[in-house]
Amino acid sequence: LLYSEFSQDSNTSMTAIADLGDGGPAAIVIDEPNNYSLKRWSPKHQRFE
């Protein structure tokens, strides 16, 4: 991991990097206190959204 946007939120962590197999950009699985969320890389904004 070269960069993390989670440094200020200790209750959130990145769990996995995923290739969803649909030809889209990479995705990350976020482990939050009560659920998981999926964020995909945005080439336009240069961040996971």
PDB file of N, CA and C in Angstrom:
ATOM      1  N   LEU A   1       0.858  -1.174   0.000  1.00  0.00           N
ATOM      2  CA  LEU A   1       0.000   0.000   0.000  1.00  0.00           C
ATOM      3  C   LEU A   1       0.896   1.227   0.000  1.00  0.00           C
ATOM      4  N   LEU A   2       0.754   2.058  -1.017  1.00  0.00           N
ATOM      5  CA  LEU A   2       1.583   3.248  -1.135  1.00  0.00           C
ATOM      6  C   LEU A   2       0.927   4.480  -0.546  1.00  0.00           C
ATOM      7  N   TYR A   3      -0.387   4.492  -0.489  1.00  0.00           N
ATOM      8  CA  TYR A   3      -1.116   5.668  -0.028  1.00  0.00           C
ATOM      9  C   TYR A   3      -2.404   5.222   0.639  1.00  0.00           C
ATOM     10  N   SER A   4      -2.763   5.878   1.714  1.00  0.00           N
ATOM     11  CA  SER A   4      -4.005   5.534   2.403  1.00  0.00           C
ATOM     12  C   SER A   4      -4.784   6.783   2.765  1.00  0.00           C
ATOM     13  N   GLU A   5      -6.081   6.793   2.443  1.00  0.00           N
ATOM     14  CA  GLU A   5      -6.961   7.880   2.850  1.00  0.00           C
ATOM     15  C   GLU A   5      -7.632   7.562   4.184  1.00  0.00           C
ATOM     16  N   PHE A   6      -7.244   6.479   4.830  1.00  0.00           N
ATOM     17  CA  PHE A   6      -7.904   6.027   6.048  1.00  0.00           C
ATOM     18  C   PHE A   6      -7.134   6.386   7.310  1.00  0.00           C
ATOM     19  N   SER A   7      -6.044   7.120   7.190  1.00  0.00           N
ATOM     20  CA  SER A   7      -5.183   7.369   8.344  1.00  0.00           C
ATOM     21  C   SER A   7      -5.884   8.125   9.469  1.00  0.00           C
ATOM     22  N   GLN A   8      -6.902   8.922   9.163  1.00  0.00           N
ATOM     23  CA  GLN A   8      -7.579   9.689  10.200  1.00  0.00           C
ATOM     24  C   GLN A   8      -8.817   8.973  10.742  1.00  0.00           C
ATOM     25  N   ASP A   9      -9.200   7.871  10.152  1.00  0.00           N
ATOM     26  CA  ASP A   9     -10.382   7.134  10.609  1.00  0.00           C
ATOM     27  C   ASP A   9      -9.953   5.723  10.994  1.00  0.00           C
ATOM     28  N   SER A  10      -9.678   5.518  12.270  1.00  0.00           N
ATOM     29  CA  SER A  10      -9.153   4.221  12.707  1.00  0.00           C
ATOM     30  C   SER A  10     -10.190   3.103  12.663  1.00  0.00           C
ATOM     31  N   ASN A  11     -11.466   3.429  12.447  1.00  0.00           N
ATOM     32  CA  ASN A  11     -12.510   2.406  12.372  1.00  0.00           C
ATOM     33  C   ASN A  11     -12.719   1.879  10.961  1.00  0.00           C
ATOM     34  N   THR A  12     -11.976   2.393   9.999  1.00  0.00           N
ATOM     35  CA  THR A  12     -12.123   1.993   8.607  1.00  0.00           C
ATOM     36  C   THR A  12     -10.789   1.462   8.099  1.00  0.00           C
ATOM     37  N   SER A  13     -10.831   0.350   7.372  1.00  0.00           N
ATOM     38  CA  SER A  13      -9.600  -0.181   6.799  1.00  0.00           C
ATOM     39  C   SER A  13      -9.873  -0.809   5.441  1.00  0.00           C
ATOM     40  N   MET A  14      -8.843  -0.816   4.611  1.00  0.00           N
ATOM     41  CA  MET A  14      -8.944  -1.467   3.316  1.00  0.00           C
ATOM     42  C   MET A  14      -8.713  -2.959   3.538  1.00  0.00           C
ATOM     43  N   THR A  15      -9.623  -3.782   3.042  1.00  0.00           N
ATOM     44  CA  THR A  15      -9.540  -5.219   3.255  1.00  0.00           C
ATOM     45  C   THR A  15      -8.950  -5.951   2.058  1.00  0.00           C
ATOM     46  N   ALA A  16      -9.291  -5.504   0.839  1.00  0.00           N
ATOM     47  CA  ALA A  16      -8.835  -6.219  -0.353  1.00  0.00           C
ATOM     48  C   ALA A  16      -8.831  -5.302  -1.565  1.00  0.00           C
ATOM     49  N   ILE A  17      -8.024  -5.673  -2.554  1.00  0.00           N
ATOM     50  CA  ILE A  17      -8.052  -5.050  -3.876  1.00  0.00           C
ATOM     51  C   ILE A  17      -8.642  -6.092  -4.808  1.00  0.00           C
ATOM     52  N   ALA A  18      -9.617  -5.684  -5.626  1.00  0.00           N
ATOM     53  CA  ALA A  18     -10.333  -6.652  -6.456  1.00  0.00           C
ATOM     54  C   ALA A  18     -10.376  -6.238  -7.915  1.00  0.00           C
ATOM     55  N   ASP A  19     -10.248  -7.231  -8.793  1.00  0.00           N
ATOM     56  CA  ASP A  19     -10.532  -7.065 -10.217  1.00  0.00           C
ATOM     57  C   ASP A  19     -11.894  -7.708 -10.422  1.00  0.00           C
ATOM     58  N   LEU A  20     -12.901  -6.898 -10.726  1.00  0.00           N
ATOM     59  CA  LEU A  20     -14.265  -7.412 -10.824  1.00  0.00           C
ATOM     60  C   LEU A  20     -14.534  -8.148 -12.128  1.00  0.00           C
ATOM     61  N   GLY A  21     -13.558  -8.167 -13.027  1.00  0.00           N
ATOM     62  CA  GLY A  21     -13.690  -8.951 -14.246  1.00  0.00           C
ATOM     63  C   GLY A  21     -14.603  -8.361 -15.295  1.00  0.00           C
ATOM     64  N   ASP A  22     -14.994  -7.107 -15.129  1.00  0.00           N
ATOM     65  CA  ASP A  22     -15.894  -6.492 -16.104  1.00  0.00           C
ATOM     66  C   ASP A  22     -15.183  -5.491 -17.008  1.00  0.00           C
ATOM     67  N   GLY A  23     -13.862  -5.480 -16.966  1.00  0.00           N
ATOM     68  CA  GLY A  23     -13.098  -4.560 -17.799  1.00  0.00           C
ATOM     69  C   GLY A  23     -12.957  -3.176 -17.201  1.00  0.00           C
ATOM     70  N   GLY A  24     -13.594  -2.935 -16.063  1.00  0.00           N
ATOM     71  CA  GLY A  24     -13.508  -1.644 -15.388  1.00  0.00           C
ATOM     72  C   GLY A  24     -12.236  -1.548 -14.564  1.00  0.00           C
ATOM     73  N   PRO A  25     -12.029  -0.389 -13.944  1.00  0.00           N
ATOM     74  CA  PRO A  25     -10.829  -0.200 -13.126  1.00  0.00           C
ATOM     75  C   PRO A  25     -10.879  -1.035 -11.846  1.00  0.00           C
ATOM     76  N   ALA A  26      -9.750  -1.116 -11.177  1.00  0.00           N
ATOM     77  CA  ALA A  26      -9.646  -1.875  -9.934  1.00  0.00           C
ATOM     78  C   ALA A  26     -10.609  -1.335  -8.886  1.00  0.00           C
ATOM     79  N   ALA A  27     -10.942  -2.189  -7.939  1.00  0.00           N
ATOM     80  CA  ALA A  27     -11.828  -1.805  -6.841  1.00  0.00           C
ATOM     81  C   ALA A  27     -11.170  -2.202  -5.526  1.00  0.00           C
ATOM     82  N   ILE A  28     -11.562  -1.524  -4.451  1.00  0.00           N
ATOM     83  CA  ILE A  28     -11.100  -1.910  -3.126  1.00  0.00           C
ATOM     84  C   ILE A  28     -12.311  -2.211  -2.251  1.00  0.00           C
ATOM     85  N   VAL A  29     -12.126  -3.150  -1.344  1.00  0.00           N
ATOM     86  CA  VAL A  29     -13.159  -3.493  -0.370  1.00  0.00           C
ATOM     87  C   VAL A  29     -12.791  -2.778   0.928  1.00  0.00           C
ATOM     88  N   ILE A  30     -13.729  -1.974   1.438  1.00  0.00           N
ATOM     89  CA  ILE A  30     -13.517  -1.199   2.651  1.00  0.00           C
ATOM     90  C   ILE A  30     -14.281  -1.850   3.794  1.00  0.00           C
ATOM     91  N   ASP A  31     -13.579  -2.117   4.882  1.00  0.00           N
ATOM     92  CA  ASP A  31     -14.190  -2.696   6.085  1.00  0.00           C
ATOM     93  C   ASP A  31     -14.511  -1.553   7.039  1.00  0.00           C
ATOM     94  N   GLU A  32     -15.803  -1.273   7.202  1.00  0.00           N
ATOM     95  CA  GLU A  32     -16.272  -0.220   8.091  1.00  0.00           C
ATOM     96  C   GLU A  32     -16.898  -0.873   9.321  1.00  0.00           C
ATOM     97  N   PRO A  33     -17.150  -0.118  10.382  1.00  0.00           N
ATOM     98  CA  PRO A  33     -17.654  -0.734  11.623  1.00  0.00           C
ATOM     99  C   PRO A  33     -18.895  -1.620  11.448  1.00  0.00           C
ATOM    100  N   ASN A  34     -19.844  -1.238  10.619  1.00  0.00           N
ATOM    101  CA  ASN A  34     -21.086  -2.012  10.512  1.00  0.00           C
ATOM    102  C   ASN A  34     -21.332  -2.640   9.152  1.00  0.00           C
ATOM    103  N   ASN A  35     -20.412  -2.466   8.206  1.00  0.00           N
ATOM    104  CA  ASN A  35     -20.630  -3.036   6.876  1.00  0.00           C
ATOM    105  C   ASN A  35     -19.348  -2.993   6.052  1.00  0.00           C
ATOM    106  N   TYR A  36     -19.444  -3.528   4.858  1.00  0.00           N
ATOM    107  CA  TYR A  36     -18.376  -3.449   3.872  1.00  0.00           C
ATOM    108  C   TYR A  36     -18.863  -2.569   2.734  1.00  0.00           C
ATOM    109  N   SER A  37     -17.941  -1.869   2.088  1.00  0.00           N
ATOM    110  CA  SER A  37     -18.303  -1.096   0.903  1.00  0.00           C
ATOM    111  C   SER A  37     -17.259  -1.341  -0.176  1.00  0.00           C
ATOM    112  N   LEU A  38     -17.639  -1.059  -1.390  1.00  0.00           N
ATOM    113  CA  LEU A  38     -16.781  -1.265  -2.549  1.00  0.00           C
ATOM    114  C   LEU A  38     -16.561   0.081  -3.217  1.00  0.00           C
ATOM    115  N   LYS A  39     -15.293   0.419  -3.471  1.00  0.00           N
ATOM    116  CA  LYS A  39     -14.980   1.672  -4.153  1.00  0.00           C
ATOM    117  C   LYS A  39     -14.124   1.353  -5.363  1.00  0.00           C
ATOM    118  N   ARG A  40     -14.428   2.023  -6.479  1.00  0.00           N
ATOM    119  CA  ARG A  40     -13.675   1.805  -7.712  1.00  0.00           C
ATOM    120  C   ARG A  40     -12.789   2.992  -7.997  1.00  0.00           C
ATOM    121  N   TRP A  41     -11.690   2.723  -8.679  1.00  0.00           N
ATOM    122  CA  TRP A  41     -10.750   3.764  -9.049  1.00  0.00           C
ATOM    123  C   TRP A  41     -11.366   4.657 -10.114  1.00  0.00           C
ATOM    124  N   SER A  42     -11.271   5.969  -9.914  1.00  0.00           N
ATOM    125  CA  SER A  42     -11.743   6.947 -10.886  1.00  0.00           C
ATOM    126  C   SER A  42     -10.533   7.558 -11.586  1.00  0.00           C
ATOM    127  N   PRO A  43     -10.305   7.199 -12.851  1.00  0.00           N
ATOM    128  CA  PRO A  43      -9.173   7.795 -13.574  1.00  0.00           C
ATOM    129  C   PRO A  43      -9.303   9.316 -13.677  1.00  0.00           C
ATOM    130  N   LYS A  44     -10.526   9.794 -13.778  1.00  0.00           N
ATOM    131  CA  LYS A  44     -10.754  11.237 -13.905  1.00  0.00           C
ATOM    132  C   LYS A  44     -10.328  11.989 -12.641  1.00  0.00           C
ATOM    133  N   HIS A  45     -10.715  11.467 -11.468  1.00  0.00           N
ATOM    134  CA  HIS A  45     -10.425  12.153 -10.207  1.00  0.00           C
ATOM    135  C   HIS A  45      -9.173  11.628  -9.506  1.00  0.00           C
ATOM    136  N   GLN A  46      -8.585  10.551 -10.055  1.00  0.00           N
ATOM    137  CA  GLN A  46      -7.373   9.946  -9.495  1.00  0.00           C
ATOM    138  C   GLN A  46      -7.548   9.550  -8.023  1.00  0.00           C
ATOM    139  N   ARG A  47      -8.675   8.874  -7.735  1.00  0.00           N
ATOM    140  CA  ARG A  47      -8.939   8.390  -6.385  1.00  0.00           C
ATOM    141  C   ARG A  47     -10.012   7.303  -6.436  1.00  0.00           C
ATOM    142  N   PHE A  48     -10.164   6.584  -5.323  1.00  0.00           N
ATOM    143  CA  PHE A  48     -11.234   5.597  -5.218  1.00  0.00           C
ATOM    144  C   PHE A  48     -12.512   6.304  -4.801  1.00  0.00           C
ATOM    145  N   GLU A  49     -13.620   5.973  -5.478  1.00  0.00           N
ATOM    146  CA  GLU A  49     -14.915   6.600  -5.190  1.00  0.00           C
ATOM    147  C   GLU A  49     -15.993   5.539  -5.062  1.00  0.00           C
TER     148      GLU A  49
END
